Amino acid sequence: MSQSEVHAPFGVDEKFLVETSKAGAGCVVSSFDPYMYDFYGDAEAILKNLDASGLLLDERRMFMLTVQSETGAEVKLFEKVEDTTWNVRTWRGENADEIHANIREMLFRNKGVFCTGEQAKGIFHKMELEFSEDTNAPAPYSPRAAFGHPIRAYTKEGYGRASVTCFC
């Protein structure tokens, strides 16, 4: 499939369209098979299902957690800086449905041509989302270790949704 057969999602700036062939061997594979898991319930139900999901975060360069409940929403974007260090950026707002929809559409339309992690950054830029720059964090040893705190924070009082998206 050529670049001309895939259109930039939502008018994303071309600087975010890095062809997988130029991004590295891992990106060629992982941009063709990104995935998104949605978990619903209270914190314990979500964490139990997250533990059973078999997510392998260390195989990706970039992944995202979206947590939403009646009290608001949070997006955490994890990007590998070194083998043992990840940069984590956070966005908070009332609702993450539009972000979620745009990411899903991008993953579907991409067809493995462009780096999905860089396209996600392009979507955030296009949507003018303000992410805080968190300090670098050690590599998570499990999905529960990476996502447990924000999941508990947003679903401790009731029902919520946690979505994990693995890009590249």
Protein backbone atom coordinates (compact mmCIF):
# COMPACT_ATOMS: atom_id res chain seq x y z
CA MET A 1 0.00 0.00 0.00
CA SER A 2 1.42 3.38 -0.92
CA GLN A 3 1.30 6.59 1.06
CA SER A 4 -1.01 8.10 -1.58
CA GLU A 5 -3.65 5.46 -0.78
CA VAL A 6 -3.91 6.59 2.84
CA HIS A 7 -5.03 10.07 3.76
CA ALA A 8 -3.84 12.01 6.78
CA PRO A 9 -6.49 11.59 9.48
CA PHE A 10 -8.46 14.68 10.35
CA GLY A 11 -6.06 16.99 8.51
CA VAL A 12 -3.12 16.09 10.77
CA ASP A 13 0.02 18.08 9.95
CA GLU A 14 2.38 16.12 7.68
CA LYS A 15 5.21 16.30 10.25
CA PHE A 16 3.29 13.65 12.22
CA LEU A 17 3.10 11.27 9.24
CA VAL A 18 6.23 9.19 9.60
CA GLU A 19 6.14 6.21 7.25
CA THR A 20 6.68 2.99 9.15
CA SER A 21 9.53 2.04 6.81
CA LYS A 22 11.42 5.12 8.02
CA ALA A 23 10.51 4.72 11.70
CA GLY A 24 12.26 1.40 12.31
CA ALA A 25 11.65 -2.32 12.09
CA GLY A 26 9.45 -2.45 15.19
CA CYS A 27 7.18 0.28 13.83
CA VAL A 28 6.60 -1.62 10.58
CA VAL A 29 5.08 -4.49 12.54
CA SER A 30 3.36 -2.66 15.37
CA SER A 31 1.77 0.09 13.27
CA PHE A 32 0.04 -2.65 11.29
CA ASP A 33 -1.32 -4.30 14.44
CA PRO A 34 -2.16 -1.59 16.98
CA TYR A 35 -4.87 -2.48 19.45
CA MET A 36 -7.31 -0.97 21.91
CA TYR A 37 -8.91 -2.66 24.89
CA ASP A 38 -11.92 -1.19 26.73
CA PHE A 39 -12.70 -2.20 30.31
CA TYR A 40 -15.84 -1.19 32.22
CA GLY A 41 -16.87 -1.34 35.87
CA ASP A 42 -15.47 -0.18 39.17
CA ALA A 43 -11.73 -0.12 39.90
CA GLU A 44 -11.49 -3.75 41.02
CA ALA A 45 -13.45 -5.10 38.05
CA ILE A 46 -11.38 -3.07 35.60
CA LEU A 47 -8.07 -4.07 37.22
CA LYS A 48 -9.06 -7.75 37.35
CA ASN A 49 -9.86 -7.74 33.63
CA LEU A 50 -6.74 -5.72 32.86
CA ASP A 51 -4.63 -8.36 34.65
CA ALA A 52 -6.25 -11.09 32.54
CA SER A 53 -5.82 -9.20 29.25
CA GLY A 54 -2.29 -10.34 28.51
CA LEU A 55 -1.19 -6.82 27.52
CA LEU A 56 2.55 -6.70 26.78
CA LEU A 57 3.42 -3.04 27.21
CA ASP A 58 7.17 -3.55 26.94
CA GLU A 59 6.77 -4.61 23.31
CA ARG A 60 5.56 -1.13 22.30
CA ARG A 61 7.24 2.26 22.04
CA MET A 62 4.06 4.22 22.77
CA PHE A 63 0.76 3.44 24.44
CA MET A 64 -2.11 5.36 26.01
CA LEU A 65 -4.54 4.98 28.89
CA THR A 66 -7.89 6.76 28.78
CA VAL A 67 -9.98 6.69 31.96
CA GLN A 68 -13.46 8.16 32.13
CA SER A 69 -16.18 8.32 34.76
CA GLU A 70 -18.92 10.71 35.79
CA THR A 71 -16.28 12.87 37.53
CA GLY A 72 -14.17 13.49 34.40
CA ALA A 73 -11.59 11.99 32.09
CA GLU A 74 -7.85 11.56 31.91
CA VAL A 75 -5.51 10.54 29.11
CA LYS A 76 -2.01 9.33 29.91
CA LEU A 77 0.38 9.00 26.98
CA PHE A 78 3.42 6.80 27.62
CA GLU A 79 6.41 7.07 25.29
CA LYS A 80 9.61 5.06 25.67
CA VAL A 81 12.67 7.27 26.10
CA GLU A 82 15.12 4.46 26.89
CA ASP A 83 14.69 0.75 27.57
CA THR A 84 14.01 1.42 31.25
CA THR A 85 12.53 4.93 31.09
CA TRP A 86 9.18 6.24 29.85
CA ASN A 87 7.96 9.81 29.46
CA VAL A 88 4.36 10.19 30.65
CA ARG A 89 2.17 13.12 29.60
CA THR A 90 -1.30 13.73 31.04
CA TRP A 91 -4.43 15.49 29.78
CA ARG A 92 -7.50 15.99 31.96
CA GLY A 93 -10.98 17.10 30.98
CA GLU A 94 -14.66 16.39 31.30
CA ASN A 95 -14.95 13.82 28.52
CA ALA A 96 -12.58 11.82 26.32
CA ASP A 97 -15.11 10.44 23.83
CA GLU A 98 -13.94 12.65 20.95
CA ILE A 99 -10.31 11.74 21.58
CA HIS A 100 -11.24 8.07 21.68
CA ALA A 101 -13.25 8.31 18.45
CA ASN A 102 -10.46 10.14 16.61
CA ILE A 103 -7.85 7.59 17.70
CA ARG A 104 -10.08 4.68 16.65
CA GLU A 105 -10.69 6.26 13.25
CA MET A 106 -6.97 6.93 12.75
CA LEU A 107 -6.04 3.35 13.62
CA PHE A 108 -8.58 2.03 11.13
CA ARG A 109 -7.68 4.42 8.31
CA ASN A 110 -3.92 4.11 8.75
CA LYS A 111 -3.71 0.57 7.35
CA GLY A 112 -0.17 0.17 8.68
CA VAL A 113 1.36 2.87 6.48
CA PHE A 114 2.30 5.54 9.04
CA CYS A 115 3.63 5.34 12.59
CA THR A 116 0.49 5.23 14.73
CA GLY A 117 2.20 6.79 17.75
CA GLU A 118 3.25 9.87 15.78
CA GLN A 119 -0.22 10.11 14.24
CA ALA A 120 -1.75 10.02 17.73
CA LYS A 121 0.46 12.98 18.67
CA GLY A 122 -0.79 14.71 15.51
CA ILE A 123 -4.40 14.16 16.54
CA PHE A 124 -3.72 15.62 19.98
CA HIS A 125 -2.01 18.61 18.35
CA LYS A 126 -4.90 19.11 15.89
CA MET A 127 -7.43 18.92 18.74
CA GLU A 128 -5.31 21.48 20.65
CA LEU A 129 -5.14 19.28 23.74
CA GLU A 130 -2.88 20.61 26.47
CA PHE A 131 -0.83 17.78 27.95
CA SER A 132 1.21 18.30 31.09
CA GLU A 133 4.75 17.05 30.87
CA ASP A 134 5.23 14.56 33.67
CA THR A 135 8.58 13.45 34.91
CA ASN A 136 10.11 10.39 33.36
CA ALA A 137 8.98 7.16 34.97
CA PRO A 138 10.60 3.73 35.21
CA ALA A 139 9.39 1.11 32.76
CA PRO A 140 6.14 -0.42 34.05
CA TYR A 141 6.51 -4.05 35.06
CA SER A 142 2.80 -4.73 34.47
CA PRO A 143 -0.32 -3.00 33.14
CA ARG A 144 -1.64 -2.77 36.73
CA ALA A 145 1.55 -0.99 37.80
CA ALA A 146 1.29 1.43 34.88
CA PHE A 147 -2.44 2.14 35.09
CA GLY A 148 -3.68 1.20 38.57
CA HIS A 149 -3.47 4.62 40.21
CA PRO A 150 -5.47 6.60 37.58
CA ILE A 151 -8.01 3.79 37.25
CA ARG A 152 -8.59 3.80 41.00
CA ALA A 153 -8.74 7.61 41.09
CA TYR A 154 -11.53 7.78 38.49
CA THR A 155 -13.55 4.70 39.42
CA LYS A 156 -13.24 4.49 43.21
CA GLU A 157 -16.70 5.97 43.66
CA GLY A 158 -18.47 4.07 40.91
CA TYR A 159 -18.62 2.94 37.34
CA GLY A 160 -16.12 3.93 34.68
CA ARG A 161 -14.28 3.01 31.53
CA ALA A 162 -10.57 2.45 31.09
CA SER A 163 -9.17 2.06 27.58
CA VAL A 164 -5.65 0.99 26.75
CA THR A 165 -4.38 1.72 23.25
CA CYS A 166 -1.06 0.29 22.08
CA PHE A 167 0.31 2.21 19.12
CA CYS A 168 3.81 1.44 17.91
